PDB file of N, CA and C in Angstrom:
ATOM      1  N   UNK A   1       4.383  25.136  -5.456  1.00  0.00           N
ATOM      2  CA  UNK A   1       3.630  23.943  -5.778  1.00  0.00           C
ATOM      3  C   UNK A   1       2.667  23.633  -4.632  1.00  0.00           C
ATOM      4  N   UNK A   2       1.429  23.383  -4.987  1.00  0.00           N
ATOM      5  CA  UNK A   2       0.408  23.102  -3.984  1.00  0.00           C
ATOM      6  C   UNK A   2       0.413  21.616  -3.642  1.00  0.00           C
ATOM      7  N   UNK A   3       0.408  21.328  -2.331  1.00  0.00           N
ATOM      8  CA  UNK A   3       0.381  19.945  -1.863  1.00  0.00           C
ATOM      9  C   UNK A   3      -1.040  19.572  -1.479  1.00  0.00           C
ATOM     10  N   UNK A   4      -1.328  18.253  -1.545  1.00  0.00           N
ATOM     11  CA  UNK A   4      -2.673  17.770  -1.250  1.00  0.00           C
ATOM     12  C   UNK A   4      -2.625  16.640  -0.233  1.00  0.00           C
ATOM     13  N   UNK A   5      -3.664  16.561   0.567  1.00  0.00           N
ATOM     14  CA  UNK A   5      -3.814  15.520   1.591  1.00  0.00           C
ATOM     15  C   UNK A   5      -3.840  14.146   0.906  1.00  0.00           C
ATOM     16  N   UNK A   6      -3.056  13.193   1.432  1.00  0.00           N
ATOM     17  CA  UNK A   6      -3.011  11.875   0.794  1.00  0.00           C
ATOM     18  C   UNK A   6      -4.259  11.037   1.065  1.00  0.00           C
ATOM     19  N   UNK A   7      -5.124  11.484   1.986  1.00  0.00           N
ATOM     20  CA  UNK A   7      -6.364  10.763   2.229  1.00  0.00           C
ATOM     21  C   UNK A   7      -7.539  11.355   1.456  1.00  0.00           C
ATOM     22  N   UNK A   8      -7.759  12.657   1.587  1.00  0.00           N
ATOM     23  CA  UNK A   8      -8.966  13.253   0.992  1.00  0.00           C
ATOM     24  C   UNK A   8      -8.677  14.136  -0.226  1.00  0.00           C
ATOM     25  N   UNK A   9      -7.429  14.520  -0.434  1.00  0.00           N
ATOM     26  CA  UNK A   9      -7.078  15.327  -1.599  1.00  0.00           C
ATOM     27  C   UNK A   9      -7.222  16.825  -1.422  1.00  0.00           C
ATOM     28  N   UNK A  10      -7.630  17.293  -0.240  1.00  0.00           N
ATOM     29  CA  UNK A  10      -7.753  18.730  -0.001  1.00  0.00           C
ATOM     30  C   UNK A  10      -6.367  19.369   0.053  1.00  0.00           C
ATOM     31  N   UNK A  11      -6.281  20.657  -0.288  1.00  0.00           N
ATOM     32  CA  UNK A  11      -4.991  21.352  -0.216  1.00  0.00           C
ATOM     33  C   UNK A  11      -4.469  21.411   1.226  1.00  0.00           C
ATOM     34  N   UNK A  12      -3.148  21.318   1.364  1.00  0.00           N
ATOM     35  CA  UNK A  12      -2.494  21.360   2.675  1.00  0.00           C
ATOM     36  C   UNK A  12      -1.715  22.662   2.780  1.00  0.00           C
ATOM     37  N   UNK A  13      -1.840  23.306   3.930  1.00  0.00           N
ATOM     38  CA  UNK A  13      -0.986  24.459   4.194  1.00  0.00           C
ATOM     39  C   UNK A  13      -0.261  24.209   5.513  1.00  0.00           C
ATOM     40  N   UNK A  14       0.914  24.739   5.646  1.00  0.00           N
ATOM     41  CA  UNK A  14       1.702  24.528   6.863  1.00  0.00           C
ATOM     42  C   UNK A  14       3.061  23.966   6.521  1.00  0.00           C
ATOM     43  N   UNK A  15       3.564  23.101   7.387  1.00  0.00           N
ATOM     44  CA  UNK A  15       4.911  22.550   7.238  1.00  0.00           C
ATOM     45  C   UNK A  15       5.098  21.873   5.886  1.00  0.00           C
ATOM     46  N   UNK A  16       6.330  21.882   5.413  1.00  0.00           N
ATOM     47  CA  UNK A  16       6.650  21.320   4.097  1.00  0.00           C
ATOM     48  C   UNK A  16       6.524  19.798   4.070  1.00  0.00           C
ATOM     49  N   UNK A  17       6.682  19.149   5.223  1.00  0.00           N
ATOM     50  CA  UNK A  17       6.624  17.690   5.246  1.00  0.00           C
ATOM     51  C   UNK A  17       5.252  17.149   5.666  1.00  0.00           C
ATOM     52  N   UNK A  18       4.270  18.015   5.755  1.00  0.00           N
ATOM     53  CA  UNK A  18       2.926  17.617   6.161  1.00  0.00           C
ATOM     54  C   UNK A  18       2.267  16.780   5.058  1.00  0.00           C
ATOM     55  N   UNK A  19       1.572  15.697   5.445  1.00  0.00           N
ATOM     56  CA  UNK A  19       0.940  14.809   4.473  1.00  0.00           C
ATOM     57  C   UNK A  19      -0.585  14.844   4.531  1.00  0.00           C
ATOM     58  N   UNK A  20      -1.135  15.327   5.648  1.00  0.00           N
ATOM     59  CA  UNK A  20      -2.583  15.305   5.864  1.00  0.00           C
ATOM     60  C   UNK A  20      -3.085  16.709   6.167  1.00  0.00           C
ATOM     61  N   UNK A  21      -4.342  16.961   5.805  1.00  0.00           N
ATOM     62  CA  UNK A  21      -4.918  18.283   6.040  1.00  0.00           C
ATOM     63  C   UNK A  21      -5.402  18.446   7.475  1.00  0.00           C
ATOM     64  N   UNK A  22      -5.658  17.329   8.179  1.00  0.00           N
ATOM     65  CA  UNK A  22      -6.164  17.413   9.551  1.00  0.00           C
ATOM     66  C   UNK A  22      -5.816  16.141  10.327  1.00  0.00           C
ATOM     67  N   UNK A  23      -5.994  16.209  11.637  1.00  0.00           N
ATOM     68  CA  UNK A  23      -5.788  15.029  12.475  1.00  0.00           C
ATOM     69  C   UNK A  23      -6.786  13.932  12.137  1.00  0.00           C
ATOM     70  N   UNK A  24      -8.004  14.313  11.788  1.00  0.00           N
ATOM     71  CA  UNK A  24      -9.017  13.310  11.419  1.00  0.00           C
ATOM     72  C   UNK A  24      -8.584  12.520  10.187  1.00  0.00           C
ATOM     73  N   UNK A  25      -8.064  13.214   9.172  1.00  0.00           N
ATOM     74  CA  UNK A  25      -7.595  12.524   7.960  1.00  0.00           C
ATOM     75  C   UNK A  25      -6.420  11.601   8.287  1.00  0.00           C
ATOM     76  N   UNK A  26      -5.502  12.064   9.116  1.00  0.00           N
ATOM     77  CA  UNK A  26      -4.345  11.249   9.501  1.00  0.00           C
ATOM     78  C   UNK A  26      -4.810   9.995  10.232  1.00  0.00           C
ATOM     79  N   UNK A  27      -5.716  10.145  11.180  1.00  0.00           N
ATOM     80  CA  UNK A  27      -6.235   8.989  11.930  1.00  0.00           C
ATOM     81  C   UNK A  27      -6.995   8.031  11.020  1.00  0.00           C
ATOM     82  N   UNK A  28      -7.861   8.563  10.176  1.00  0.00           N
ATOM     83  CA  UNK A  28      -8.626   7.718   9.258  1.00  0.00           C
ATOM     84  C   UNK A  28      -7.715   6.925   8.326  1.00  0.00           C
ATOM     85  N   UNK A  29      -6.685   7.577   7.812  1.00  0.00           N
ATOM     86  CA  UNK A  29      -5.737   6.939   6.900  1.00  0.00           C
ATOM     87  C   UNK A  29      -5.043   5.752   7.582  1.00  0.00           C
ATOM     88  N   UNK A  30      -4.504   5.975   8.780  1.00  0.00           N
ATOM     89  CA  UNK A  30      -3.787   4.914   9.487  1.00  0.00           C
ATOM     90  C   UNK A  30      -4.734   3.829  10.005  1.00  0.00           C
ATOM     91  N   UNK A  31      -5.938   4.193  10.388  1.00  0.00           N
ATOM     92  CA  UNK A  31      -6.920   3.190  10.814  1.00  0.00           C
ATOM     93  C   UNK A  31      -7.300   2.269   9.659  1.00  0.00           C
ATOM     94  N   UNK A  32      -7.420   2.821   8.470  1.00  0.00           N
ATOM     95  CA  UNK A  32      -7.748   2.021   7.292  1.00  0.00           C
ATOM     96  C   UNK A  32      -6.624   1.029   6.980  1.00  0.00           C
ATOM     97  N   UNK A  33      -5.393   1.463   7.094  1.00  0.00           N
ATOM     98  CA  UNK A  33      -4.255   0.561   6.881  1.00  0.00           C
ATOM     99  C   UNK A  33      -4.295  -0.573   7.900  1.00  0.00           C
ATOM    100  N   UNK A  34      -4.521  -0.248   9.164  1.00  0.00           N
ATOM    101  CA  UNK A  34      -4.602  -1.271  10.215  1.00  0.00           C
ATOM    102  C   UNK A  34      -5.758  -2.247   9.963  1.00  0.00           C
ATOM    103  N   UNK A  35      -6.891  -1.731   9.520  1.00  0.00           N
ATOM    104  CA  UNK A  35      -8.041  -2.607   9.229  1.00  0.00           C
ATOM    105  C   UNK A  35      -7.699  -3.619   8.139  1.00  0.00           C
ATOM    106  N   UNK A  36      -7.022  -3.165   7.082  1.00  0.00           N
ATOM    107  CA  UNK A  36      -6.638  -4.075   5.999  1.00  0.00           C
ATOM    108  C   UNK A  36      -5.676  -5.152   6.502  1.00  0.00           C
ATOM    109  N   UNK A  37      -4.692  -4.761   7.310  1.00  0.00           N
ATOM    110  CA  UNK A  37      -3.734  -5.724   7.863  1.00  0.00           C
ATOM    111  C   UNK A  37      -4.432  -6.721   8.780  1.00  0.00           C
ATOM    112  N   UNK A  38      -5.325  -6.239   9.632  1.00  0.00           N
ATOM    113  CA  UNK A  38      -6.037  -7.123  10.560  1.00  0.00           C
ATOM    114  C   UNK A  38      -6.968  -8.073   9.817  1.00  0.00           C
ATOM    115  N   UNK A  39      -7.543  -7.619   8.714  1.00  0.00           N
ATOM    116  CA  UNK A  39      -8.421  -8.480   7.920  1.00  0.00           C
ATOM    117  C   UNK A  39      -7.624  -9.659   7.368  1.00  0.00           C
ATOM    118  N   UNK A  40      -6.427  -9.396   6.868  1.00  0.00           N
ATOM    119  CA  UNK A  40      -5.567 -10.464   6.350  1.00  0.00           C
ATOM    120  C   UNK A  40      -5.156 -11.415   7.476  1.00  0.00           C
ATOM    121  N   UNK A  41      -4.827 -10.867   8.639  1.00  0.00           N
ATOM    122  CA  UNK A  41      -4.444 -11.687   9.787  1.00  0.00           C
ATOM    123  C   UNK A  41      -5.602 -12.574  10.244  1.00  0.00           C
ATOM    124  N   UNK A  42      -6.807 -12.024  10.270  1.00  0.00           N
ATOM    125  CA  UNK A  42      -7.988 -12.812  10.645  1.00  0.00           C
ATOM    126  C   UNK A  42      -8.217 -13.959   9.656  1.00  0.00           C
ATOM    127  N   UNK A  43      -7.983 -13.697   8.376  1.00  0.00           N
ATOM    128  CA  UNK A  43      -8.171 -14.718   7.345  1.00  0.00           C
ATOM    129  C   UNK A  43      -7.185 -15.881   7.566  1.00  0.00           C
ATOM    130  N   UNK A  44      -5.924 -15.560   7.834  1.00  0.00           N
ATOM    131  CA  UNK A  44      -4.914 -16.591   8.076  1.00  0.00           C
ATOM    132  C   UNK A  44      -5.254 -17.362   9.349  1.00  0.00           C
ATOM    133  N   UNK A  45      -5.634 -16.666  10.410  1.00  0.00           N
ATOM    134  CA  UNK A  45      -5.987 -17.338  11.663  1.00  0.00           C
ATOM    135  C   UNK A  45      -7.200 -18.243  11.502  1.00  0.00           C
ATOM    136  N   UNK A  46      -8.124 -17.852  10.666  1.00  0.00           N
ATOM    137  CA  UNK A  46      -9.305 -18.677  10.403  1.00  0.00           C
ATOM    138  C   UNK A  46      -8.889 -19.988   9.720  1.00  0.00           C
ATOM    139  N   UNK A  47      -7.990 -19.910   8.755  1.00  0.00           N
ATOM    140  CA  UNK A  47      -7.507 -21.106   8.065  1.00  0.00           C
ATOM    141  C   UNK A  47      -6.743 -22.002   9.033  1.00  0.00           C
ATOM    142  N   UNK A  48      -5.857 -21.403   9.848  1.00  0.00           N
ATOM    143  CA  UNK A  48      -5.098 -22.192  10.825  1.00  0.00           C
ATOM    144  C   UNK A  48      -6.023 -22.855  11.845  1.00  0.00           C
ATOM    145  N   UNK A  49      -7.042 -22.136  12.288  1.00  0.00           N
ATOM    146  CA  UNK A  49      -8.001 -22.707  13.246  1.00  0.00           C
ATOM    147  C   UNK A  49      -8.756 -23.880  12.630  1.00  0.00           C
ATOM    148  N   UNK A  50      -9.128 -23.750  11.375  1.00  0.00           N
ATOM    149  CA  UNK A  50      -9.806 -24.838  10.677  1.00  0.00           C
ATOM    150  C   UNK A  50      -8.874 -26.047  10.572  1.00  0.00           C
ATOM    151  N   UNK A  51      -7.613 -25.820  10.197  1.00  0.00           N
ATOM    152  CA  UNK A  51      -6.635 -26.916  10.134  1.00  0.00           C
ATOM    153  C   UNK A  51      -6.498 -27.594  11.492  1.00  0.00           C
ATOM    154  N   UNK A  52      -6.425 -26.804  12.560  1.00  0.00           N
ATOM    155  CA  UNK A  52      -6.270 -27.346  13.905  1.00  0.00           C
ATOM    156  C   UNK A  52      -7.468 -28.232  14.267  1.00  0.00           C
ATOM    157  N   UNK A  53      -8.668 -27.756  13.963  1.00  0.00           N
ATOM    158  CA  UNK A  53      -9.879 -28.539  14.270  1.00  0.00           C
ATOM    159  C   UNK A  53      -9.886 -29.866  13.502  1.00  0.00           C
ATOM    160  N   UNK A  54      -9.458 -29.834  12.242  1.00  0.00           N
ATOM    161  CA  UNK A  54      -9.415 -31.057  11.435  1.00  0.00           C
ATOM    162  C   UNK A  54      -8.397 -32.041  12.016  1.00  0.00           C
ATOM    163  N   UNK A  55      -7.213 -31.534  12.389  1.00  0.00           N
ATOM    164  CA  UNK A  55      -6.195 -32.411  12.992  1.00  0.00           C
ATOM    165  C   UNK A  55      -6.687 -32.976  14.327  1.00  0.00           C
ATOM    166  N   UNK A  56      -7.310 -32.134  15.141  1.00  0.00           N
ATOM    167  CA  UNK A  56      -7.818 -32.584  16.448  1.00  0.00           C
ATOM    168  C   UNK A  56      -8.876 -33.669  16.273  1.00  0.00           C
ATOM    169  N   UNK A  57      -9.755 -33.504  15.294  1.00  0.00           N
ATOM    170  CA  UNK A  57     -10.806 -34.496  15.053  1.00  0.00           C
ATOM    171  C   UNK A  57     -10.237 -35.802  14.505  1.00  0.00           C
ATOM    172  N   UNK A  58      -9.062 -35.737  13.880  1.00  0.00           N
ATOM    173  CA  UNK A  58      -8.439 -36.930  13.295  1.00  0.00           C
ATOM    174  C   UNK A  58      -7.593 -37.708  14.292  1.00  0.00           C
ATOM    175  N   UNK A  59      -7.317 -37.130  15.440  1.00  0.00           N
ATOM    176  CA  UNK A  59      -6.421 -37.756  16.423  1.00  0.00           C
ATOM    177  C   UNK A  59      -7.093 -38.900  17.163  1.00  0.00           C
ATOM    178  N   UNK A  60      -6.291 -39.962  17.365  1.00  0.00           N
ATOM    179  CA  UNK A  60      -6.720 -41.106  18.171  1.00  0.00           C
ATOM    180  C   UNK A  60      -5.514 -41.550  18.988  1.00  0.00           C
ATOM    181  N   UNK A  61      -5.604 -41.469  20.305  1.00  0.00           N
ATOM    182  CA  UNK A  61      -4.568 -41.946  21.217  1.00  0.00           C
ATOM    183  C   UNK A  61      -3.190 -41.340  20.961  1.00  0.00           C
ATOM    184  N   UNK A  62      -3.099 -40.056  20.730  1.00  0.00           N
ATOM    185  CA  UNK A  62      -1.819 -39.369  20.600  1.00  0.00           C
ATOM    186  C   UNK A  62      -1.147 -39.454  19.250  1.00  0.00           C
ATOM    187  N   UNK A  63      -1.545 -40.398  18.407  1.00  0.00           N
ATOM    188  CA  UNK A  63      -0.999 -40.547  17.058  1.00  0.00           C
ATOM    189  C   UNK A  63      -2.118 -40.964  16.126  1.00  0.00           C
ATOM    190  N   UNK A  64      -1.980 -40.602  14.877  1.00  0.00           N
ATOM    191  CA  UNK A  64      -3.003 -40.986  13.923  1.00  0.00           C
ATOM    192  C   UNK A  64      -2.433 -40.932  12.513  1.00  0.00           C
ATOM    193  N   UNK A  65      -3.031 -41.687  11.620  1.00  0.00           N
ATOM    194  CA  UNK A  65      -2.643 -41.668  10.209  1.00  0.00           C
ATOM    195  C   UNK A  65      -3.909 -41.586   9.374  1.00  0.00           C
ATOM    196  N   UNK A  66      -3.928 -40.623   8.477  1.00  0.00           N
ATOM    197  CA  UNK A  66      -5.051 -40.459   7.548  1.00  0.00           C
ATOM    198  C   UNK A  66      -4.480 -40.193   6.164  1.00  0.00           C
ATOM    199  N   UNK A  67      -5.306 -40.265   5.162  1.00  0.00           N
ATOM    200  CA  UNK A  67      -4.834 -40.015   3.798  1.00  0.00           C
ATOM    201  C   UNK A  67      -4.882 -38.516   3.477  1.00  0.00           C
ATOM    202  N   UNK A  68      -4.032 -38.116   2.551  1.00  0.00           N
ATOM    203  CA  UNK A  68      -4.019 -36.723   2.088  1.00  0.00           C
ATOM    204  C   UNK A  68      -5.377 -36.362   1.518  1.00  0.00           C
ATOM    205  N   UNK A  69      -5.973 -37.283   0.764  1.00  0.00           N
ATOM    206  CA  UNK A  69      -7.271 -36.995   0.139  1.00  0.00           C
ATOM    207  C   UNK A  69      -8.369 -36.802   1.186  1.00  0.00           C
ATOM    208  N   UNK A  70      -8.271 -37.526   2.308  1.00  0.00           N
ATOM    209  CA  UNK A  70      -9.269 -37.362   3.371  1.00  0.00           C
ATOM    210  C   UNK A  70      -9.181 -35.968   3.984  1.00  0.00           C
ATOM    211  N   UNK A  71      -7.955 -35.505   4.254  1.00  0.00           N
ATOM    212  CA  UNK A  71      -7.800 -34.147   4.801  1.00  0.00           C
ATOM    213  C   UNK A  71      -8.203 -33.097   3.772  1.00  0.00           C
ATOM    214  N   UNK A  72      -7.847 -33.318   2.526  1.00  0.00           N
ATOM    215  CA  UNK A  72      -8.216 -32.362   1.465  1.00  0.00           C
ATOM    216  C   UNK A  72      -9.726 -32.257   1.323  1.00  0.00           C
ATOM    217  N   UNK A  73     -10.408 -33.375   1.455  1.00  0.00           N
ATOM    218  CA  UNK A  73     -11.875 -33.380   1.352  1.00  0.00           C
ATOM    219  C   UNK A  73     -12.509 -32.580   2.480  1.00  0.00           C
ATOM    220  N   UNK A  74     -11.800 -32.466   3.594  1.00  0.00           N
ATOM    221  CA  UNK A  74     -12.302 -31.703   4.739  1.00  0.00           C
ATOM    222  C   UNK A  74     -11.788 -30.266   4.718  1.00  0.00           C
ATOM    223  N   UNK A  75     -11.278 -29.813   3.575  1.00  0.00           N
ATOM    224  CA  UNK A  75     -10.787 -28.449   3.354  1.00  0.00           C
ATOM    225  C   UNK A  75      -9.551 -28.108   4.176  1.00  0.00           C
ATOM    226  N   UNK A  76      -8.686 -29.084   4.418  1.00  0.00           N
ATOM    227  CA  UNK A  76      -7.418 -28.836   5.094  1.00  0.00           C
ATOM    228  C   UNK A  76      -6.517 -28.073   4.130  1.00  0.00           C
ATOM    229  N   UNK A  77      -5.887 -27.012   4.605  1.00  0.00           N
ATOM    230  CA  UNK A  77      -5.000 -26.192   3.774  1.00  0.00           C
ATOM    231  C   UNK A  77      -3.554 -26.559   4.118  1.00  0.00           C
ATOM    232  N   UNK A  78      -2.891 -27.288   3.228  1.00  0.00           N
ATOM    233  CA  UNK A  78      -1.521 -27.730   3.471  1.00  0.00           C
ATOM    234  C   UNK A  78      -0.512 -26.593   3.313  1.00  0.00           C
ATOM    235  N   UNK A  79      -0.929 -25.465   2.791  1.00  0.00           N
ATOM    236  CA  UNK A  79      -0.021 -24.344   2.555  1.00  0.00           C
ATOM    237  C   UNK A  79       0.233 -23.469   3.767  1.00  0.00           C
ATOM    238  N   UNK A  80      -0.588 -23.597   4.807  1.00  0.00           N
ATOM    239  CA  UNK A  80      -0.406 -22.769   5.999  1.00  0.00           C
ATOM    240  C   UNK A  80      -0.166 -23.642   7.228  1.00  0.00           C
ATOM    241  N   UNK A  81       0.855 -23.280   7.989  1.00  0.00           N
ATOM    242  CA  UNK A  81       1.174 -23.981   9.227  1.00  0.00           C
ATOM    243  C   UNK A  81       1.901 -22.990  10.125  1.00  0.00           C
ATOM    244  N   UNK A  82       2.003 -23.306  11.410  1.00  0.00           N
ATOM    245  CA  UNK A  82       2.613 -22.362  12.351  1.00  0.00           C
ATOM    246  C   UNK A  82       4.116 -22.533  12.461  1.00  0.00           C
ATOM    247  N   UNK A  83       4.650 -23.709  12.138  1.00  0.00           N
ATOM    248  CA  UNK A  83       6.097 -23.951  12.177  1.00  0.00           C
ATOM    249  C   UNK A  83       6.404 -25.230  11.419  1.00  0.00           C
ATOM    250  N   UNK A  84       7.690 -25.462  11.149  1.00  0.00           N
ATOM    251  CA  UNK A  84       8.117 -26.728  10.573  1.00  0.00           C
ATOM    252  C   UNK A  84       9.427 -27.133  11.230  1.00  0.00           C
ATOM    253  N   UNK A  85       9.685 -28.428  11.245  1.00  0.00           N
ATOM    254  CA  UNK A  85      10.919 -28.921  11.855  1.00  0.00           C
ATOM    255  C   UNK A  85      11.292 -30.253  11.232  1.00  0.00           C
ATOM    256  N   UNK A  86      12.549 -30.601  11.397  1.00  0.00           N
ATOM    257  CA  UNK A  86      13.036 -31.909  10.953  1.00  0.00           C
ATOM    258  C   UNK A  86      13.379 -32.705  12.197  1.00  0.00           C
ATOM    259  N   UNK A  87      12.605 -33.725  12.461  1.00  0.00           N
ATOM    260  CA  UNK A  87      12.842 -34.549  13.656  1.00  0.00           C
ATOM    261  C   UNK A  87      13.895 -35.607  13.373  1.00  0.00           C
ATOM    262  N   UNK A  88      13.853 -36.188  12.204  1.00  0.00           N
ATOM    263  CA  UNK A  88      14.819 -37.186  11.786  1.00  0.00           C
ATOM    264  C   UNK A  88      15.233 -36.831  10.366  1.00  0.00           C
ATOM    265  N   UNK A  89      16.396 -37.268   9.916  1.00  0.00           N
ATOM    266  CA  UNK A  89      16.795 -36.962   8.539  1.00  0.00           C
ATOM    267  C   UNK A  89      15.726 -37.398   7.534  1.00  0.00           C
ATOM    268  N   UNK A  90      15.309 -36.458   6.717  1.00  0.00           N
ATOM    269  CA  UNK A  90      14.323 -36.764   5.681  1.00  0.00           C
ATOM    270  C   UNK A  90      12.876 -36.714   6.129  1.00  0.00           C
ATOM    271  N   UNK A  91      12.630 -36.490   7.415  1.00  0.00           N
ATOM    272  CA  UNK A  91      11.248 -36.435   7.905  1.00  0.00           C
ATOM    273  C   UNK A  91      10.944 -35.031   8.400  1.00  0.00           C
ATOM    274  N   UNK A  92      10.244 -34.298   7.588  1.00  0.00           N
ATOM    275  CA  UNK A  92       9.893 -32.918   7.934  1.00  0.00           C
ATOM    276  C   UNK A  92       8.479 -32.875   8.486  1.00  0.00           C
ATOM    277  N   UNK A  93       8.348 -32.275   9.649  1.00  0.00           N
ATOM    278  CA  UNK A  93       7.039 -32.128  10.292  1.00  0.00           C
ATOM    279  C   UNK A  93       6.556 -30.692  10.150  1.00  0.00           C
ATOM    280  N   UNK A  94       5.283 -30.544   9.908  1.00  0.00           N
ATOM    281  CA  UNK A  94       4.638 -29.239   9.844  1.00  0.00           C
ATOM    282  C   UNK A  94       3.735 -29.125  11.064  1.00  0.00           C
ATOM    283  N   UNK A  95       3.850 -28.020  11.771  1.00  0.00           N
ATOM    284  CA  UNK A  95       3.087 -27.821  13.007  1.00  0.00           C
ATOM    285  C   UNK A  95       1.904 -26.903  12.767  1.00  0.00           C
ATOM    286  N   UNK A  96       0.813 -27.246  13.400  1.00  0.00           N
ATOM    287  CA  UNK A  96      -0.363 -26.376  13.473  1.00  0.00           C
ATOM    288  C   UNK A  96      -0.680 -26.283  14.954  1.00  0.00           C
ATOM    289  N   UNK A  97      -0.122 -25.274  15.592  1.00  0.00           N
ATOM    290  CA  UNK A  97      -0.190 -25.111  17.041  1.00  0.00           C
ATOM    291  C   UNK A  97       0.408 -26.340  17.723  1.00  0.00           C
ATOM    292  N   UNK A  98      -0.374 -27.155  18.424  1.00  0.00           N
ATOM    293  CA  UNK A  98       0.196 -28.285  19.155  1.00  0.00           C
ATOM    294  C   UNK A  98       0.108 -29.615  18.402  1.00  0.00           C
ATOM    295  N   UNK A  99      -0.313 -29.604  17.153  1.00  0.00           N
ATOM    296  CA  UNK A  99      -0.347 -30.811  16.342  1.00  0.00           C
ATOM    297  C   UNK A  99       0.702 -30.714  15.244  1.00  0.00           C
ATOM    298  N   UNK A 100       1.387 -31.832  15.018  1.00  0.00           N
ATOM    299  CA  UNK A 100       2.370 -31.898  13.938  1.00  0.00           C
ATOM    300  C   UNK A 100       1.954 -32.998  12.976  1.00  0.00           C
ATOM    301  N   UNK A 101       2.273 -32.793  11.707  1.00  0.00           N
ATOM    302  CA  UNK A 101       1.972 -33.826  10.720  1.00  0.00           C
ATOM    303  C   UNK A 101       3.099 -33.895   9.710  1.00  0.00           C
ATOM    304  N   UNK A 102       3.272 -35.063   9.152  1.00  0.00           N
ATOM    305  CA  UNK A 102       4.207 -35.229   8.046  1.00  0.00           C
ATOM    306  C   UNK A 102       3.507 -36.050   6.981  1.00  0.00           C
ATOM    307  N   UNK A 103       3.888 -35.811   5.760  1.00  0.00           N
ATOM    308  CA  UNK A 103       3.269 -36.507   4.637  1.00  0.00           C
ATOM    309  C   UNK A 103       4.269 -37.523   4.106  1.00  0.00           C
ATOM    310  N   UNK A 104       3.884 -38.787   4.100  1.00  0.00           N
ATOM    311  CA  UNK A 104       4.770 -39.842   3.607  1.00  0.00           C
ATOM    312  C   UNK A 104       4.657 -39.938   2.088  1.00  0.00           C
ATOM    313  N   UNK A 105       5.582 -40.651   1.500  1.00  0.00           N
ATOM    314  CA  UNK A 105       5.578 -40.825   0.040  1.00  0.00           C
ATOM    315  C   UNK A 105       4.358 -41.599  -0.442  1.00  0.00           C
ATOM    316  N   UNK A 106       3.765 -42.372   0.446  1.00  0.00           N
ATOM    317  CA  UNK A 106       2.602 -43.183   0.067  1.00  0.00           C
ATOM    318  C   UNK A 106       1.297 -42.386   0.084  1.00  0.00           C
ATOM    319  N   UNK A 107       1.379 -41.094   0.461  1.00  0.00           N
ATOM    320  CA  UNK A 107       0.170 -40.280   0.480  1.00  0.00           C
ATOM    321  C   UNK A 107      -0.568 -40.307   1.804  1.00  0.00           C
ATOM    322  N   UNK A 108       0.079 -40.812   2.825  1.00  0.00           N
ATOM    323  CA  UNK A 108      -0.514 -40.845   4.164  1.00  0.00           C
ATOM    324  C   UNK A 108       0.007 -39.656   4.968  1.00  0.00           C
ATOM    325  N   UNK A 109      -0.851 -39.131   5.821  1.00  0.00           N
ATOM    326  CA  UNK A 109      -0.479 -38.031   6.704  1.00  0.00           C
ATOM    327  C   UNK A 109      -0.401 -38.607   8.110  1.00  0.00           C
ATOM    328  N   UNK A 110       0.789 -38.520   8.716  1.00  0.00           N
ATOM    329  CA  UNK A 110       1.023 -39.024  10.064  1.00  0.00           C
ATOM    330  C   UNK A 110       0.930 -37.834  11.017  1.00  0.00           C
ATOM    331  N   UNK A 111       0.025 -37.918  11.979  1.00  0.00           N
ATOM    332  CA  UNK A 111      -0.249 -36.801  12.889  1.00  0.00           C
ATOM    333  C   UNK A 111       0.202 -37.185  14.308  1.00  0.00           C
ATOM    334  N   UNK A 112       0.884 -36.263  14.968  1.00  0.00           N
ATOM    335  CA  UNK A 112       1.236 -36.455  16.364  1.00  0.00           C
ATOM    336  C   UNK A 112       0.807 -35.223  17.151  1.00  0.00           C
ATOM    337  N   UNK A 113       0.684 -35.387  18.437  1.00  0.00           N
ATOM    338  CA  UNK A 113       0.256 -34.280  19.296  1.00  0.00           C
ATOM    339  C   UNK A 113       1.350 -33.980  20.305  1.00  0.00           C
ATOM    340  N   UNK A 114       1.626 -32.710  20.499  1.00  0.00           N
ATOM    341  CA  UNK A 114       2.566 -32.286  21.529  1.00  0.00           C
ATOM    342  C   UNK A 114       1.751 -32.078  22.795  1.00  0.00           C
ATOM    343  N   UNK A 115       2.236 -32.607  23.917  1.00  0.00           N
ATOM    344  CA  UNK A 115       1.480 -32.416  25.165  1.00  0.00           C
ATOM    345  C   UNK A 115       1.375 -30.949  25.542  1.00  0.00           C
ATOM    346  N   UNK A 116       0.290 -30.587  26.159  1.00  0.00           N
ATOM    347  CA  UNK A 116       0.061 -29.202  26.580  1.00  0.00           C
ATOM    348  C   UNK A 116       0.977 -28.784  27.712  1.00  0.00           C
ATOM    349  N   UNK A 117       0.938 -27.504  28.096  1.00  0.00           N
ATOM    350  CA  UNK A 117       1.830 -26.998  29.148  1.00  0.00           C
ATOM    351  C   UNK A 117       1.550 -27.604  30.504  1.00  0.00           C
TER     352      UNK A 117
END
């Protein structure tokens, strides 16, 4: 049975477990996989950076309260955050780097800032 390179489709000769016809094909194949992964990572980091900028602009004196609709209007993505924690029973905070926010039942977003290092 003839085997073919998984990148370019050319016939492979040599070891039975060989997957690529050349080092160039092997490198190109793995570089393409890395590029796709990095593209997704850049997309997530871009969203997180945008969220961070929105939270930073909303801060006043270490604490702030804004409405969910106000953050949504500024393209805040509530689905992505860097961590979450429960500070008090029933109060879950979502972190975006050094800013934390929680959403109250009234539709208000309470933002706090963690001091830097």
